[in-house]
Amino acid sequence: MSASEGLTEASGLTRAQVMKRGLVAGVAIGAPGMLAGRARGATRASKMRHIADGWGRFRVRVAREQLYDLRRRLSDTRLPSMELVEDASQGVQLATMRALRAYWSTGYDWRALEASLNALPQFRTELDGVGIHFIHVRSAHQNALPLIITHGWPGSFVEMLGVIGPLTDPTAYGGTADDAFDVVVPSIPGFGFSDAPGALGSGDPAASRRPGRS
């Protein structure tokens, strides 16, 4: 039984009613495994529309030199000696650290993620003097409800990519047009491509030099 089916059975509501009350959206936010498994739904650009009324369109552009520098610093990392026990009672195990370094230095494809993000309508605006990055995907279905999905701390808007498709285009995932939402996924201040209040506020010249800023 899916999370949405369990909620409908427990509450006595129809699936559409549950969706409209935001319950399924809440379950989706708390299910990172589902987010990763359905990431492909977030990049269906042909099914997504956007508006840019007063907002600056945003594209992720990380310089090649920054990626090279990251890989260099990872390769130069001095790892600790082998732990003296066979469990994690003395801290993170050396094998785990080696695997993490290998993944982020050679296994992770940043350009693939960058392309996926740039296939989505991303924007930047200013709220209370702070530059805020967000994704805004409008459903093709009429009467779709607006829904803001915010990541936690620490976290990233990337965690939410997998629910954009099901929420904005529910008919492609076994739902109905009544289940549709217009989705906004912001980066909270100080995370992702949003400015941090104070030191990196949008009025600070240093903010314009942040990696990925367009």
C-alpha atoms as a PDB file:
ATOM      1  CA  MET A   1       0.000   0.000   0.000  1.00  0.00           C
ATOM      2  CA  SER A   2       1.349   3.431  -0.947  1.00  0.00           C
ATOM      3  CA  ALA A   3       1.599   6.340   1.483  1.00  0.00           C
ATOM      4  CA  SER A   4      -1.278   8.148  -0.213  1.00  0.00           C
ATOM      5  CA  GLU A   5      -3.497   5.048  -0.152  1.00  0.00           C
ATOM      6  CA  GLY A   6      -2.795   4.581   3.551  1.00  0.00           C
ATOM      7  CA  LEU A   7      -3.813   8.148   4.279  1.00  0.00           C
ATOM      8  CA  THR A   8      -7.025   7.904   2.310  1.00  0.00           C
ATOM      9  CA  GLU A   9      -8.012   4.690   4.080  1.00  0.00           C
ATOM     10  CA  ALA A  10      -7.236   6.110   7.524  1.00  0.00           C
ATOM     11  CA  SER A  11      -8.952   9.442   6.971  1.00  0.00           C
ATOM     12  CA  GLY A  12     -11.962   8.326   4.959  1.00  0.00           C
ATOM     13  CA  LEU A  13     -11.200  10.958   2.329  1.00  0.00           C
ATOM     14  CA  THR A  14     -10.848  10.460  -1.408  1.00  0.00           C
ATOM     15  CA  ARG A  15      -7.353  10.676  -2.865  1.00  0.00           C
ATOM     16  CA  ALA A  16      -8.123  14.029  -4.444  1.00  0.00           C
ATOM     17  CA  GLN A  17      -9.331  15.394  -1.099  1.00  0.00           C
ATOM     18  CA  VAL A  18      -6.181  14.210   0.612  1.00  0.00           C
ATOM     19  CA  MET A  19      -4.036  15.855  -2.028  1.00  0.00           C
ATOM     20  CA  LYS A  20      -5.938  19.101  -1.789  1.00  0.00           C
ATOM     21  CA  ARG A  21      -5.404  19.191   1.947  1.00  0.00           C
ATOM     22  CA  GLY A  22      -1.665  18.852   1.446  1.00  0.00           C
ATOM     23  CA  LEU A  23      -1.304  15.567   3.331  1.00  0.00           C
ATOM     24  CA  VAL A  24       0.291  13.623   0.514  1.00  0.00           C
ATOM     25  CA  ALA A  25       2.660  16.512  -0.145  1.00  0.00           C
ATOM     26  CA  GLY A  26       3.718  16.322   3.497  1.00  0.00           C
ATOM     27  CA  VAL A  27       4.400  12.609   3.210  1.00  0.00           C
ATOM     28  CA  ALA A  28       6.419  13.199   0.041  1.00  0.00           C
ATOM     29  CA  ILE A  29       8.621  15.746   1.786  1.00  0.00           C
ATOM     30  CA  GLY A  30       9.455  13.167   4.424  1.00  0.00           C
ATOM     31  CA  ALA A  31      10.253  10.356   1.994  1.00  0.00           C
ATOM     32  CA  PRO A  32      13.740  10.915   0.541  1.00  0.00           C
ATOM     33  CA  GLY A  33      13.834   7.443  -0.982  1.00  0.00           C
ATOM     34  CA  MET A  34      10.852   8.241  -3.154  1.00  0.00           C
ATOM     35  CA  LEU A  35      12.384  11.562  -4.122  1.00  0.00           C
ATOM     36  CA  ALA A  36      15.477   9.913  -5.516  1.00  0.00           C
ATOM     37  CA  GLY A  37      13.560   7.163  -7.276  1.00  0.00           C
ATOM     38  CA  ARG A  38      11.307   9.537  -9.148  1.00  0.00           C
ATOM     39  CA  ALA A  39      13.841  12.202 -10.077  1.00  0.00           C
ATOM     40  CA  ARG A  40      13.196  11.523 -13.741  1.00  0.00           C
ATOM     41  CA  GLY A  41       9.727  13.062 -13.364  1.00  0.00           C
ATOM     42  CA  ALA A  42      11.261  16.396 -12.436  1.00  0.00           C
ATOM     43  CA  THR A  43      12.929  16.876 -15.808  1.00  0.00           C
ATOM     44  CA  ARG A  44       9.924  16.490 -18.089  1.00  0.00           C
ATOM     45  CA  ALA A  45      10.344  19.951 -19.503  1.00  0.00           C
ATOM     46  CA  SER A  46       7.667  19.385 -22.144  1.00  0.00           C
ATOM     47  CA  LYS A  47       5.037  19.025 -19.414  1.00  0.00           C
ATOM     48  CA  MET A  48       6.168  22.025 -17.400  1.00  0.00           C
ATOM     49  CA  ARG A  49       5.402  25.691 -17.805  1.00  0.00           C
ATOM     50  CA  HIS A  50       6.711  28.678 -15.960  1.00  0.00           C
ATOM     51  CA  ILE A  51       6.143  32.382 -15.489  1.00  0.00           C
ATOM     52  CA  ALA A  52       8.752  35.038 -14.828  1.00  0.00           C
ATOM     53  CA  ASP A  53       6.748  38.086 -13.742  1.00  0.00           C
ATOM     54  CA  GLY A  54       9.386  40.280 -12.159  1.00  0.00           C
ATOM     55  CA  TRP A  55      11.717  37.380 -11.429  1.00  0.00           C
ATOM     56  CA  GLY A  56      15.200  36.878 -12.823  1.00  0.00           C
ATOM     57  CA  ARG A  57      15.594  33.610 -14.731  1.00  0.00           C
ATOM     58  CA  PHE A  58      18.410  31.571 -13.240  1.00  0.00           C
ATOM     59  CA  ARG A  59      20.726  28.925 -14.675  1.00  0.00           C
ATOM     60  CA  VAL A  60      23.353  26.964 -12.784  1.00  0.00           C
ATOM     61  CA  ARG A  61      26.830  27.546 -14.169  1.00  0.00           C
ATOM     62  CA  VAL A  62      29.750  26.199 -12.168  1.00  0.00           C
ATOM     63  CA  ALA A  63      33.145  26.984 -13.650  1.00  0.00           C
ATOM     64  CA  ARG A  64      35.319  24.053 -14.734  1.00  0.00           C
ATOM     65  CA  GLU A  65      38.114  25.433 -12.571  1.00  0.00           C
ATOM     66  CA  GLN A  66      35.954  25.147  -9.462  1.00  0.00           C
ATOM     67  CA  LEU A  67      35.217  21.499 -10.168  1.00  0.00           C
ATOM     68  CA  TYR A  68      38.904  20.795 -10.762  1.00  0.00           C
ATOM     69  CA  ASP A  69      39.769  22.579  -7.511  1.00  0.00           C
ATOM     70  CA  LEU A  70      37.219  20.500  -5.607  1.00  0.00           C
ATOM     71  CA  ARG A  71      38.631  17.253  -6.985  1.00  0.00           C
ATOM     72  CA  ARG A  72      42.168  18.376  -6.178  1.00  0.00           C
ATOM     73  CA  ARG A  73      41.285  19.189  -2.576  1.00  0.00           C
ATOM     74  CA  LEU A  74      39.511  15.865  -2.195  1.00  0.00           C
ATOM     75  CA  SER A  75      42.494  13.949  -3.548  1.00  0.00           C
ATOM     76  CA  ASP A  76      44.785  15.857  -1.158  1.00  0.00           C
ATOM     77  CA  THR A  77      42.694  14.965   1.891  1.00  0.00           C
ATOM     78  CA  ARG A  78      44.737  13.342   4.649  1.00  0.00           C
ATOM     79  CA  LEU A  79      42.716  10.411   5.914  1.00  0.00           C
ATOM     80  CA  PRO A  80      43.001   9.122   9.495  1.00  0.00           C
ATOM     81  CA  SER A  81      44.619   5.847  10.438  1.00  0.00           C
ATOM     82  CA  MET A  82      42.643   2.619  10.551  1.00  0.00           C
ATOM     83  CA  GLU A  83      40.364   2.283  13.559  1.00  0.00           C
ATOM     84  CA  LEU A  84      41.275  -0.324  16.177  1.00  0.00           C
ATOM     85  CA  VAL A  85      37.830  -1.920  16.343  1.00  0.00           C
ATOM     86  CA  GLU A  86      35.506  -3.518  13.804  1.00  0.00           C
ATOM     87  CA  ASP A  87      32.567  -1.191  14.380  1.00  0.00           C
ATOM     88  CA  ALA A  88      31.912   2.560  14.402  1.00  0.00           C
ATOM     89  CA  SER A  89      32.391   2.976  18.152  1.00  0.00           C
ATOM     90  CA  GLN A  90      35.594   4.975  17.552  1.00  0.00           C
ATOM     91  CA  GLY A  91      34.009   7.222  14.952  1.00  0.00           C
ATOM     92  CA  VAL A  92      33.489   7.111  11.204  1.00  0.00           C
ATOM     93  CA  GLN A  93      35.389   4.163   9.804  1.00  0.00           C
ATOM     94  CA  LEU A  94      38.268   4.614   7.366  1.00  0.00           C
ATOM     95  CA  ALA A  95      36.580   2.534   4.663  1.00  0.00           C
ATOM     96  CA  THR A  96      33.566   4.838   4.781  1.00  0.00           C
ATOM     97  CA  MET A  97      35.748   7.933   4.435  1.00  0.00           C
ATOM     98  CA  ARG A  98      37.614   6.431   1.502  1.00  0.00           C
ATOM     99  CA  ALA A  99      34.360   5.537  -0.241  1.00  0.00           C
ATOM    100  CA  LEU A 100      32.978   9.040   0.299  1.00  0.00           C
ATOM    101  CA  ARG A 101      36.117  10.660  -1.080  1.00  0.00           C
ATOM    102  CA  ALA A 102      36.079   8.395  -4.135  1.00  0.00           C
ATOM    103  CA  TYR A 103      32.409   9.096  -4.793  1.00  0.00           C
ATOM    104  CA  TRP A 104      32.681  12.868  -4.657  1.00  0.00           C
ATOM    105  CA  SER A 105      36.026  13.085  -6.462  1.00  0.00           C
ATOM    106  CA  THR A 106      35.443  10.668  -9.353  1.00  0.00           C
ATOM    107  CA  GLY A 107      32.014   9.033  -9.094  1.00  0.00           C
ATOM    108  CA  TYR A 108      29.656  11.995  -8.951  1.00  0.00           C
ATOM    109  CA  ASP A 109      28.625  13.619 -12.228  1.00  0.00           C
ATOM    110  CA  TRP A 110      27.989  17.279 -11.412  1.00  0.00           C
ATOM    111  CA  ARG A 111      27.377  18.216 -15.049  1.00  0.00           C
ATOM    112  CA  ALA A 112      24.517  15.700 -15.248  1.00  0.00           C
ATOM    113  CA  LEU A 113      22.842  17.269 -12.217  1.00  0.00           C
ATOM    114  CA  GLU A 114      23.517  20.733 -13.595  1.00  0.00           C
ATOM    115  CA  ALA A 115      21.743  19.809 -16.841  1.00  0.00           C
ATOM    116  CA  SER A 116      18.776  18.400 -14.902  1.00  0.00           C
ATOM    117  CA  LEU A 117      18.475  21.580 -12.851  1.00  0.00           C
ATOM    118  CA  ASN A 118      18.712  23.811 -15.916  1.00  0.00           C
ATOM    119  CA  ALA A 119      15.888  21.848 -17.549  1.00  0.00           C
ATOM    120  CA  LEU A 120      13.636  23.253 -14.808  1.00  0.00           C
ATOM    121  CA  PRO A 121      12.328  26.843 -14.577  1.00  0.00           C
ATOM    122  CA  GLN A 122      14.588  28.416 -11.957  1.00  0.00           C
ATOM    123  CA  PHE A 123      14.499  32.014 -10.779  1.00  0.00           C
ATOM    124  CA  ARG A 124      15.950  34.445  -8.281  1.00  0.00           C
ATOM    125  CA  THR A 125      14.072  37.179  -6.530  1.00  0.00           C
ATOM    126  CA  GLU A 126      14.659  39.388  -3.486  1.00  0.00           C
ATOM    127  CA  LEU A 127      12.772  39.056  -0.197  1.00  0.00           C
ATOM    128  CA  ASP A 128      13.536  41.445   2.669  1.00  0.00           C
ATOM    129  CA  GLY A 129      16.841  42.337   1.049  1.00  0.00           C
ATOM    130  CA  VAL A 130      17.990  38.730   0.599  1.00  0.00           C
ATOM    131  CA  GLY A 131      18.365  37.099  -2.821  1.00  0.00           C
ATOM    132  CA  ILE A 132      16.315  33.893  -2.966  1.00  0.00           C
ATOM    133  CA  HIS A 133      16.648  31.098  -5.523  1.00  0.00           C
ATOM    134  CA  PHE A 134      13.630  28.939  -6.313  1.00  0.00           C
ATOM    135  CA  ILE A 135      12.121  26.544  -8.828  1.00  0.00           C
ATOM    136  CA  HIS A 136       8.588  27.367 -10.007  1.00  0.00           C
ATOM    137  CA  VAL A 137       6.737  24.762 -12.032  1.00  0.00           C
ATOM    138  CA  ARG A 138       3.143  25.415 -13.053  1.00  0.00           C
ATOM    139  CA  SER A 139       0.869  22.490 -13.756  1.00  0.00           C
ATOM    140  CA  ALA A 140      -0.759  22.183 -17.158  1.00  0.00           C
ATOM    141  CA  HIS A 141      -4.015  21.333 -15.352  1.00  0.00           C
ATOM    142  CA  GLN A 142      -6.470  24.094 -14.564  1.00  0.00           C
ATOM    143  CA  ASN A 143      -7.284  24.995 -10.950  1.00  0.00           C
ATOM    144  CA  ALA A 144      -4.013  23.563  -9.654  1.00  0.00           C
ATOM    145  CA  LEU A 145      -3.297  24.708  -6.106  1.00  0.00           C
ATOM    146  CA  PRO A 146      -0.050  26.543  -5.306  1.00  0.00           C
ATOM    147  CA  LEU A 147       2.261  24.563  -3.043  1.00  0.00           C
ATOM    148  CA  ILE A 148       5.586  25.594  -1.502  1.00  0.00           C
ATOM    149  CA  ILE A 149       7.922  22.722  -0.621  1.00  0.00           C
ATOM    150  CA  THR A 150      10.794  23.804   1.615  1.00  0.00           C
ATOM    151  CA  HIS A 151      13.806  21.709   2.531  1.00  0.00           C
ATOM    152  CA  GLY A 152      15.138  21.538   6.054  1.00  0.00           C
ATOM    153  CA  TRP A 153      18.441  22.320   7.713  1.00  0.00           C
ATOM    154  CA  PRO A 154      20.878  21.031   6.691  1.00  0.00           C
ATOM    155  CA  GLY A 155      19.520  20.169   3.308  1.00  0.00           C
ATOM    156  CA  SER A 156      19.020  21.218  -0.272  1.00  0.00           C
ATOM    157  CA  PHE A 157      16.255  21.958  -2.738  1.00  0.00           C
ATOM    158  CA  VAL A 158      17.670  19.043  -4.774  1.00  0.00           C
ATOM    159  CA  GLU A 159      16.007  16.695  -2.269  1.00  0.00           C
ATOM    160  CA  MET A 160      12.618  17.819  -3.580  1.00  0.00           C
ATOM    161  CA  LEU A 161      13.171  17.264  -7.302  1.00  0.00           C
ATOM    162  CA  GLY A 162      11.521  13.856  -7.358  1.00  0.00           C
ATOM    163  CA  VAL A 163       8.090  15.100  -6.261  1.00  0.00           C
ATOM    164  CA  ILE A 164       7.774  17.920  -8.796  1.00  0.00           C
ATOM    165  CA  GLY A 165       6.605  15.629 -11.588  1.00  0.00           C
ATOM    166  CA  PRO A 166       3.953  13.732  -9.556  1.00  0.00           C
ATOM    167  CA  LEU A 167       2.591  16.938  -8.025  1.00  0.00           C
ATOM    168  CA  THR A 168       2.409  19.041 -11.195  1.00  0.00           C
ATOM    169  CA  ASP A 169       1.528  16.232 -13.612  1.00  0.00           C
ATOM    170  CA  PRO A 170      -0.426  13.688 -11.521  1.00  0.00           C
ATOM    171  CA  THR A 171      -2.134  12.076 -14.509  1.00  0.00           C
ATOM    172  CA  ALA A 172       1.242  10.740 -15.626  1.00  0.00           C
ATOM    173  CA  TYR A 173       1.592   8.964 -12.271  1.00  0.00           C
ATOM    174  CA  GLY A 174      -1.841   7.380 -11.932  1.00  0.00           C
ATOM    175  CA  GLY A 175      -3.618  10.381 -10.434  1.00  0.00           C
ATOM    176  CA  THR A 176      -6.218  12.782 -11.762  1.00  0.00           C
ATOM    177  CA  ALA A 177      -6.211  16.438 -12.757  1.00  0.00           C
ATOM    178  CA  ASP A 178      -7.835  17.250  -9.401  1.00  0.00           C
ATOM    179  CA  ASP A 179      -4.583  16.182  -7.722  1.00  0.00           C
ATOM    180  CA  ALA A 180      -2.500  18.857  -9.480  1.00  0.00           C
ATOM    181  CA  PHE A 181      -0.400  21.545  -7.811  1.00  0.00           C
ATOM    182  CA  ASP A 182       1.624  24.516  -8.983  1.00  0.00           C
ATOM    183  CA  VAL A 183       4.920  23.885  -7.180  1.00  0.00           C
ATOM    184  CA  VAL A 184       7.484  26.309  -5.775  1.00  0.00           C
ATOM    185  CA  VAL A 185      10.714  24.862  -4.371  1.00  0.00           C
ATOM    186  CA  PRO A 186      12.941  27.540  -2.775  1.00  0.00           C
ATOM    187  CA  SER A 187      16.475  27.316  -1.440  1.00  0.00           C
ATOM    188  CA  ILE A 188      16.305  28.572   2.134  1.00  0.00           C
ATOM    189  CA  PRO A 189      18.553  31.586   2.897  1.00  0.00           C
ATOM    190  CA  GLY A 190      22.196  30.595   3.141  1.00  0.00           C
ATOM    191  CA  PHE A 191      21.729  27.347   1.208  1.00  0.00           C
ATOM    192  CA  GLY A 192      21.891  26.337  -2.438  1.00  0.00           C
ATOM    193  CA  PHE A 193      21.819  29.398  -4.663  1.00  0.00           C
ATOM    194  CA  SER A 194      20.086  31.698  -2.179  1.00  0.00           C
ATOM    195  CA  ASP A 195      22.057  34.421  -0.434  1.00  0.00           C
ATOM    196  CA  ALA A 196      22.726  34.315   3.292  1.00  0.00           C
ATOM    197  CA  PRO A 197      21.266  37.142   5.383  1.00  0.00           C
ATOM    198  CA  GLY A 198      23.853  39.726   6.363  1.00  0.00           C
ATOM    199  CA  ALA A 199      27.293  38.778   5.090  1.00  0.00           C
ATOM    200  CA  LEU A 200      26.068  37.419   1.745  1.00  0.00           C
ATOM    201  CA  GLY A 201      22.873  39.370   1.312  1.00  0.00           C
ATOM    202  CA  SER A 202      21.911  40.389  -2.208  1.00  0.00           C
ATOM    203  CA  GLY A 203      23.211  43.902  -1.544  1.00  0.00           C
ATOM    204  CA  ASP A 204      26.693  42.603  -0.741  1.00  0.00           C
ATOM    205  CA  PRO A 205      29.086  42.631  -3.737  1.00  0.00           C
ATOM    206  CA  ALA A 206      30.508  39.320  -2.517  1.00  0.00           C
ATOM    207  CA  ALA A 207      27.171  37.680  -3.236  1.00  0.00           C
ATOM    208  CA  SER A 208      27.633  38.164  -6.969  1.00  0.00           C
ATOM    209  CA  ARG A 209      30.782  36.069  -6.811  1.00  0.00           C
ATOM    210  CA  ARG A 210      29.110  33.008  -5.350  1.00  0.00           C
ATOM    211  CA  PRO A 211      29.604  29.779  -7.379  1.00  0.00           C
ATOM    212  CA  GLY A 212      26.818  29.142  -9.872  1.00  0.00           C
ATOM    213  CA  ARG A 213      25.362  32.636  -9.775  1.00  0.00           C
ATOM    214  CA  SER A 214      24.113  33.713 -13.197  1.00  0.00           C
END
